[in-house]
Amino acid sequence: MGLSKTSLKRILLVLALIGFALILAFIPHIVLKKPTQSGWVPPTASVTTVHNQETARAGLPVRLKIPKLNIDAGLDYVGLTPTGELGVPKGPTSAGWYVLGPRPGEKGNAVIDGHFGYKDNIPAVFDNLHTLQKGDNLYVEDEKGKTVTFVVRELRTYGQTEGAASVFVSSDTKAHLNLITCQGVWNSAQRSYSNRLVVFADEVI
């Protein structure tokens, strides 16, 4: 006994919808892979964060401002490299917002990275990040002109292979902004610095 034309059409429609959903799920992992020298692999948990906040999104960030350091930098959008490492901004004067995590102002840890010690002694956006202190203010402006304010809580230095889950993941239901850059000694063979500096900041409400 064969299938009716109506039943066959329904089956084909369901298969087509399943295929389309699989394509949509795979697209972000294709688009977001860019070359990097960050050397840091975000924990897997942070990769799913963006998919859990589709219903209540803060504005897309476009600028990072740190008055104490005279920083007013545009933001590139970075994801993961083919090896699963955190991407970096395209050039020395911009910073990079990690698009697989929360947007600044959303619950969780929004992450922005930037260069330090750029080639040929070209000034880089986070060259002086280490001079920030507890209580200093950071500002992120979104595409609608709204500014979210954060205050520095602490600075911490990590070894290149040291676990850094707390940089990317939090569970206190508050909004945080963590800035990442390189520090330490340059390794020519690995084309990377020995340490990572992280500035932990909390939203000012």
C-alpha atoms as a PDB file:
ATOM      1  CA  MET A   1       0.000   0.000   0.000  1.00  0.00           C
ATOM      2  CA  GLY A   2       1.711   3.233  -1.170  1.00  0.00           C
ATOM      3  CA  LEU A   3       1.786   6.698   0.360  1.00  0.00           C
ATOM      4  CA  SER A   4      -0.745   9.249  -0.783  1.00  0.00           C
ATOM      5  CA  LYS A   5       0.496  12.367  -2.560  1.00  0.00           C
ATOM      6  CA  THR A   6      -0.479  14.471   0.466  1.00  0.00           C
ATOM      7  CA  SER A   7       1.501  12.279   2.902  1.00  0.00           C
ATOM      8  CA  LEU A   8       4.527  12.296   0.616  1.00  0.00           C
ATOM      9  CA  LYS A   9       4.459  16.099   0.387  1.00  0.00           C
ATOM     10  CA  ARG A  10       4.315  16.374   4.181  1.00  0.00           C
ATOM     11  CA  ILE A  11       7.289  14.051   4.609  1.00  0.00           C
ATOM     12  CA  LEU A  12       9.339  16.000   2.048  1.00  0.00           C
ATOM     13  CA  LEU A  13       8.417  19.293   3.761  1.00  0.00           C
ATOM     14  CA  VAL A  14       9.561  17.998   7.175  1.00  0.00           C
ATOM     15  CA  LEU A  15      12.865  16.746   5.713  1.00  0.00           C
ATOM     16  CA  ALA A  16      13.445  20.101   4.028  1.00  0.00           C
ATOM     17  CA  LEU A  17      12.832  21.998   7.294  1.00  0.00           C
ATOM     18  CA  ILE A  18      15.222  19.730   9.194  1.00  0.00           C
ATOM     19  CA  GLY A  19      17.899  20.253   6.555  1.00  0.00           C
ATOM     20  CA  PHE A  20      17.430  24.025   6.651  1.00  0.00           C
ATOM     21  CA  ALA A  21      17.735  24.065  10.463  1.00  0.00           C
ATOM     22  CA  LEU A  22      20.993  22.089  10.285  1.00  0.00           C
ATOM     23  CA  ILE A  23      22.429  24.554   7.765  1.00  0.00           C
ATOM     24  CA  LEU A  24      21.543  27.534   9.974  1.00  0.00           C
ATOM     25  CA  ALA A  25      23.187  25.877  12.977  1.00  0.00           C
ATOM     26  CA  PHE A  26      26.396  25.266  11.011  1.00  0.00           C
ATOM     27  CA  ILE A  27      26.737  28.712   9.383  1.00  0.00           C
ATOM     28  CA  PRO A  28      28.174  30.577  12.454  1.00  0.00           C
ATOM     29  CA  HIS A  29      31.047  28.101  12.694  1.00  0.00           C
ATOM     30  CA  ILE A  30      31.963  28.832   9.059  1.00  0.00           C
ATOM     31  CA  VAL A  31      31.676  32.609   9.096  1.00  0.00           C
ATOM     32  CA  LEU A  32      33.481  33.249  12.361  1.00  0.00           C
ATOM     33  CA  LYS A  33      36.735  31.436  11.687  1.00  0.00           C
ATOM     34  CA  LYS A  34      39.567  33.931  11.182  1.00  0.00           C
ATOM     35  CA  PRO A  35      43.362  33.723  11.561  1.00  0.00           C
ATOM     36  CA  THR A  36      44.647  34.649  15.015  1.00  0.00           C
ATOM     37  CA  GLN A  37      47.665  34.601  17.299  1.00  0.00           C
ATOM     38  CA  SER A  38      45.760  34.876  20.585  1.00  0.00           C
ATOM     39  CA  GLY A  39      46.681  31.369  21.733  1.00  0.00           C
ATOM     40  CA  TRP A  40      43.650  31.211  24.023  1.00  0.00           C
ATOM     41  CA  VAL A  41      40.838  28.683  23.661  1.00  0.00           C
ATOM     42  CA  PRO A  42      37.522  29.834  25.195  1.00  0.00           C
ATOM     43  CA  PRO A  43      35.634  27.121  27.081  1.00  0.00           C
ATOM     44  CA  THR A  44      32.939  25.337  25.088  1.00  0.00           C
ATOM     45  CA  ALA A  45      30.211  26.666  27.388  1.00  0.00           C
ATOM     46  CA  SER A  46      30.676  30.222  26.126  1.00  0.00           C
ATOM     47  CA  VAL A  47      29.993  29.204  22.536  1.00  0.00           C
ATOM     48  CA  THR A  48      26.337  28.492  23.316  1.00  0.00           C
ATOM     49  CA  THR A  49      25.723  31.711  25.235  1.00  0.00           C
ATOM     50  CA  VAL A  50      24.692  33.753  22.211  1.00  0.00           C
ATOM     51  CA  HIS A  51      21.986  31.246  21.240  1.00  0.00           C
ATOM     52  CA  ASN A  52      20.317  31.527  24.652  1.00  0.00           C
ATOM     53  CA  GLN A  53      19.776  35.295  24.484  1.00  0.00           C
ATOM     54  CA  GLU A  54      18.023  35.788  21.170  1.00  0.00           C
ATOM     55  CA  THR A  55      14.833  37.094  22.790  1.00  0.00           C
ATOM     56  CA  ALA A  56      16.335  40.005  24.754  1.00  0.00           C
ATOM     57  CA  ARG A  57      19.391  41.448  23.073  1.00  0.00           C
ATOM     58  CA  ALA A  58      21.374  44.524  24.046  1.00  0.00           C
ATOM     59  CA  GLY A  59      22.546  46.733  21.188  1.00  0.00           C
ATOM     60  CA  LEU A  60      25.491  45.636  19.065  1.00  0.00           C
ATOM     61  CA  PRO A  61      28.656  47.257  20.468  1.00  0.00           C
ATOM     62  CA  VAL A  62      30.575  49.578  18.142  1.00  0.00           C
ATOM     63  CA  ARG A  63      33.089  51.473  20.313  1.00  0.00           C
ATOM     64  CA  LEU A  64      35.153  50.962  23.468  1.00  0.00           C
ATOM     65  CA  LYS A  65      36.119  54.071  25.423  1.00  0.00           C
ATOM     66  CA  ILE A  66      38.609  54.225  28.300  1.00  0.00           C
ATOM     67  CA  PRO A  67      39.181  57.907  29.176  1.00  0.00           C
ATOM     68  CA  LYS A  68      42.080  57.199  31.553  1.00  0.00           C
ATOM     69  CA  LEU A  69      44.061  55.664  28.671  1.00  0.00           C
ATOM     70  CA  ASN A  70      42.763  58.005  25.944  1.00  0.00           C
ATOM     71  CA  ILE A  71      41.205  55.004  24.196  1.00  0.00           C
ATOM     72  CA  ASP A  72      38.295  55.539  21.805  1.00  0.00           C
ATOM     73  CA  ALA A  73      38.454  52.437  19.632  1.00  0.00           C
ATOM     74  CA  GLY A  74      36.151  50.930  17.058  1.00  0.00           C
ATOM     75  CA  LEU A  75      35.196  47.287  17.550  1.00  0.00           C
ATOM     76  CA  ASP A  76      35.795  44.436  15.136  1.00  0.00           C
ATOM     77  CA  TYR A  77      33.666  41.330  15.619  1.00  0.00           C
ATOM     78  CA  VAL A  78      35.734  38.228  16.304  1.00  0.00           C
ATOM     79  CA  GLY A  79      34.853  34.579  16.818  1.00  0.00           C
ATOM     80  CA  LEU A  80      36.916  31.403  16.769  1.00  0.00           C
ATOM     81  CA  THR A  81      39.770  30.366  14.508  1.00  0.00           C
ATOM     82  CA  PRO A  82      39.892  26.954  12.795  1.00  0.00           C
ATOM     83  CA  THR A  83      41.854  25.689  15.826  1.00  0.00           C
ATOM     84  CA  GLY A  84      39.212  26.977  18.259  1.00  0.00           C
ATOM     85  CA  GLU A  85      41.216  29.948  19.552  1.00  0.00           C
ATOM     86  CA  LEU A  86      39.850  33.388  20.320  1.00  0.00           C
ATOM     87  CA  GLY A  87      40.071  35.661  17.283  1.00  0.00           C
ATOM     88  CA  VAL A  88      41.793  39.042  17.383  1.00  0.00           C
ATOM     89  CA  PRO A  89      41.022  42.446  15.812  1.00  0.00           C
ATOM     90  CA  LYS A  90      42.311  43.163  12.317  1.00  0.00           C
ATOM     91  CA  GLY A  91      44.705  45.951  13.213  1.00  0.00           C
ATOM     92  CA  PRO A  92      46.528  47.599  16.132  1.00  0.00           C
ATOM     93  CA  THR A  93      44.090  50.452  16.784  1.00  0.00           C
ATOM     94  CA  SER A  94      40.792  48.553  16.990  1.00  0.00           C
ATOM     95  CA  ALA A  95      39.564  46.115  19.635  1.00  0.00           C
ATOM     96  CA  GLY A  96      37.682  42.851  19.084  1.00  0.00           C
ATOM     97  CA  TRP A  97      34.331  41.895  20.632  1.00  0.00           C
ATOM     98  CA  TYR A  98      33.856  38.117  21.051  1.00  0.00           C
ATOM     99  CA  VAL A  99      30.546  37.524  19.265  1.00  0.00           C
ATOM    100  CA  LEU A 100      29.924  34.065  20.728  1.00  0.00           C
ATOM    101  CA  GLY A 101      29.500  35.558  24.190  1.00  0.00           C
ATOM    102  CA  PRO A 102      27.075  38.154  25.574  1.00  0.00           C
ATOM    103  CA  ARG A 103      26.899  41.686  24.276  1.00  0.00           C
ATOM    104  CA  PRO A 104      28.161  44.332  26.754  1.00  0.00           C
ATOM    105  CA  GLY A 105      25.276  45.042  29.116  1.00  0.00           C
ATOM    106  CA  GLU A 106      23.779  41.550  28.893  1.00  0.00           C
ATOM    107  CA  LYS A 107      24.034  39.044  31.741  1.00  0.00           C
ATOM    108  CA  GLY A 108      27.316  37.177  31.692  1.00  0.00           C
ATOM    109  CA  ASN A 109      30.865  37.987  30.617  1.00  0.00           C
ATOM    110  CA  ALA A 110      31.200  40.124  27.512  1.00  0.00           C
ATOM    111  CA  VAL A 111      34.773  39.827  26.238  1.00  0.00           C
ATOM    112  CA  ILE A 112      36.820  42.347  24.243  1.00  0.00           C
ATOM    113  CA  ASP A 113      40.431  41.718  23.240  1.00  0.00           C
ATOM    114  CA  GLY A 114      43.074  43.941  21.700  1.00  0.00           C
ATOM    115  CA  HIS A 115      46.697  44.008  20.619  1.00  0.00           C
ATOM    116  CA  PHE A 116      49.735  44.789  22.759  1.00  0.00           C
ATOM    117  CA  GLY A 117      53.326  45.252  21.575  1.00  0.00           C
ATOM    118  CA  TYR A 118      52.466  45.390  17.872  1.00  0.00           C
ATOM    119  CA  LYS A 119      55.095  44.767  15.178  1.00  0.00           C
ATOM    120  CA  ASP A 120      57.544  47.520  14.174  1.00  0.00           C
ATOM    121  CA  ASN A 121      56.753  49.345  17.429  1.00  0.00           C
ATOM    122  CA  ILE A 122      53.413  50.551  16.073  1.00  0.00           C
ATOM    123  CA  PRO A 123      51.238  51.766  18.984  1.00  0.00           C
ATOM    124  CA  ALA A 124      48.490  49.274  19.853  1.00  0.00           C
ATOM    125  CA  VAL A 125      45.140  49.842  21.534  1.00  0.00           C
ATOM    126  CA  PHE A 126      45.944  47.909  24.737  1.00  0.00           C
ATOM    127  CA  ASP A 127      49.623  48.806  25.170  1.00  0.00           C
ATOM    128  CA  ASN A 128      48.843  50.558  28.477  1.00  0.00           C
ATOM    129  CA  LEU A 129      46.002  48.354  29.697  1.00  0.00           C
ATOM    130  CA  HIS A 130      48.151  47.233  32.651  1.00  0.00           C
ATOM    131  CA  THR A 131      47.981  50.752  34.118  1.00  0.00           C
ATOM    132  CA  LEU A 132      44.253  50.509  34.822  1.00  0.00           C
ATOM    133  CA  GLN A 133      43.280  50.264  38.474  1.00  0.00           C
ATOM    134  CA  LYS A 134      40.300  49.175  40.510  1.00  0.00           C
ATOM    135  CA  GLY A 135      37.599  51.833  40.246  1.00  0.00           C
ATOM    136  CA  ASP A 136      38.493  53.063  36.746  1.00  0.00           C
ATOM    137  CA  ASN A 137      35.595  53.365  34.312  1.00  0.00           C
ATOM    138  CA  LEU A 138      35.159  51.708  30.915  1.00  0.00           C
ATOM    139  CA  TYR A 139      32.436  52.588  28.402  1.00  0.00           C
ATOM    140  CA  VAL A 140      30.936  50.627  25.518  1.00  0.00           C
ATOM    141  CA  GLU A 141      28.764  52.426  22.963  1.00  0.00           C
ATOM    142  CA  ASP A 142      26.270  50.497  20.820  1.00  0.00           C
ATOM    143  CA  GLU A 143      24.998  51.119  17.290  1.00  0.00           C
ATOM    144  CA  LYS A 144      22.062  53.166  18.626  1.00  0.00           C
ATOM    145  CA  GLY A 145      24.303  55.539  20.570  1.00  0.00           C
ATOM    146  CA  LYS A 146      23.553  54.030  23.995  1.00  0.00           C
ATOM    147  CA  THR A 147      26.509  53.758  26.375  1.00  0.00           C
ATOM    148  CA  VAL A 148      26.979  51.059  29.014  1.00  0.00           C
ATOM    149  CA  THR A 149      29.345  51.905  31.881  1.00  0.00           C
ATOM    150  CA  PHE A 150      31.595  49.397  33.631  1.00  0.00           C
ATOM    151  CA  VAL A 151      33.947  49.787  36.595  1.00  0.00           C
ATOM    152  CA  VAL A 152      37.217  47.863  36.936  1.00  0.00           C
ATOM    153  CA  ARG A 153      37.136  45.214  39.696  1.00  0.00           C
ATOM    154  CA  GLU A 154      40.587  43.650  39.292  1.00  0.00           C
ATOM    155  CA  LEU A 155      43.466  42.861  36.954  1.00  0.00           C
ATOM    156  CA  ARG A 156      44.926  39.384  36.651  1.00  0.00           C
ATOM    157  CA  THR A 157      47.778  37.857  34.648  1.00  0.00           C
ATOM    158  CA  TYR A 158      47.438  34.340  33.196  1.00  0.00           C
ATOM    159  CA  GLY A 159      50.029  32.001  31.772  1.00  0.00           C
ATOM    160  CA  GLN A 160      49.498  31.127  28.111  1.00  0.00           C
ATOM    161  CA  THR A 161      48.253  27.619  28.914  1.00  0.00           C
ATOM    162  CA  GLU A 162      46.498  28.469  32.171  1.00  0.00           C
ATOM    163  CA  GLY A 163      42.775  27.736  32.355  1.00  0.00           C
ATOM    164  CA  ALA A 164      40.623  30.822  31.979  1.00  0.00           C
ATOM    165  CA  ALA A 165      37.007  29.672  32.174  1.00  0.00           C
ATOM    166  CA  SER A 166      36.111  32.517  34.570  1.00  0.00           C
ATOM    167  CA  VAL A 167      37.096  35.048  31.907  1.00  0.00           C
ATOM    168  CA  PHE A 168      34.379  33.831  29.559  1.00  0.00           C
ATOM    169  CA  VAL A 169      31.722  32.298  31.820  1.00  0.00           C
ATOM    170  CA  SER A 170      29.922  33.570  34.931  1.00  0.00           C
ATOM    171  CA  SER A 171      26.837  32.464  36.805  1.00  0.00           C
ATOM    172  CA  ASP A 172      25.965  35.424  39.030  1.00  0.00           C
ATOM    173  CA  THR A 173      23.293  36.805  36.602  1.00  0.00           C
ATOM    174  CA  LYS A 174      25.111  40.157  36.425  1.00  0.00           C
ATOM    175  CA  ALA A 175      26.661  41.929  33.430  1.00  0.00           C
ATOM    176  CA  HIS A 176      30.446  42.035  33.187  1.00  0.00           C
ATOM    177  CA  LEU A 177      33.057  43.233  30.687  1.00  0.00           C
ATOM    178  CA  ASN A 178      36.448  41.536  30.536  1.00  0.00           C
ATOM    179  CA  LEU A 179      39.311  42.979  28.484  1.00  0.00           C
ATOM    180  CA  ILE A 180      42.104  40.706  27.256  1.00  0.00           C
ATOM    181  CA  THR A 181      45.542  41.477  25.878  1.00  0.00           C
ATOM    182  CA  CYS A 182      49.028  39.965  25.743  1.00  0.00           C
ATOM    183  CA  GLN A 183      51.795  40.540  28.272  1.00  0.00           C
ATOM    184  CA  GLY A 184      55.175  39.116  29.132  1.00  0.00           C
ATOM    185  CA  VAL A 185      57.972  37.910  26.834  1.00  0.00           C
ATOM    186  CA  TRP A 186      57.661  37.614  23.050  1.00  0.00           C
ATOM    187  CA  ASN A 187      58.329  34.133  21.667  1.00  0.00           C
ATOM    188  CA  SER A 188      59.469  34.473  18.039  1.00  0.00           C
ATOM    189  CA  ALA A 189      59.020  30.786  17.262  1.00  0.00           C
ATOM    190  CA  GLN A 190      55.417  30.708  18.516  1.00  0.00           C
ATOM    191  CA  ARG A 191      54.767  34.304  17.439  1.00  0.00           C
ATOM    192  CA  SER A 192      53.048  34.964  20.740  1.00  0.00           C
ATOM    193  CA  TYR A 193      53.605  36.499  24.185  1.00  0.00           C
ATOM    194  CA  SER A 194      54.084  34.359  27.289  1.00  0.00           C
ATOM    195  CA  ASN A 195      51.187  35.785  29.325  1.00  0.00           C
ATOM    196  CA  ARG A 196      47.692  37.197  29.042  1.00  0.00           C
ATOM    197  CA  LEU A 197      46.415  40.194  31.003  1.00  0.00           C
ATOM    198  CA  VAL A 198      42.716  40.330  31.859  1.00  0.00           C
ATOM    199  CA  VAL A 199      40.864  43.346  33.214  1.00  0.00           C
ATOM    200  CA  PHE A 200      37.670  42.294  34.998  1.00  0.00           C
ATOM    201  CA  ALA A 201      34.934  44.944  35.122  1.00  0.00           C
ATOM    202  CA  ASP A 202      31.318  45.072  36.318  1.00  0.00           C
ATOM    203  CA  GLU A 203      28.386  47.031  34.916  1.00  0.00           C
ATOM    204  CA  VAL A 204      27.469  50.206  36.768  1.00  0.00           C
ATOM    205  CA  ILE A 205      23.709  50.219  37.337  1.00  0.00           C
END
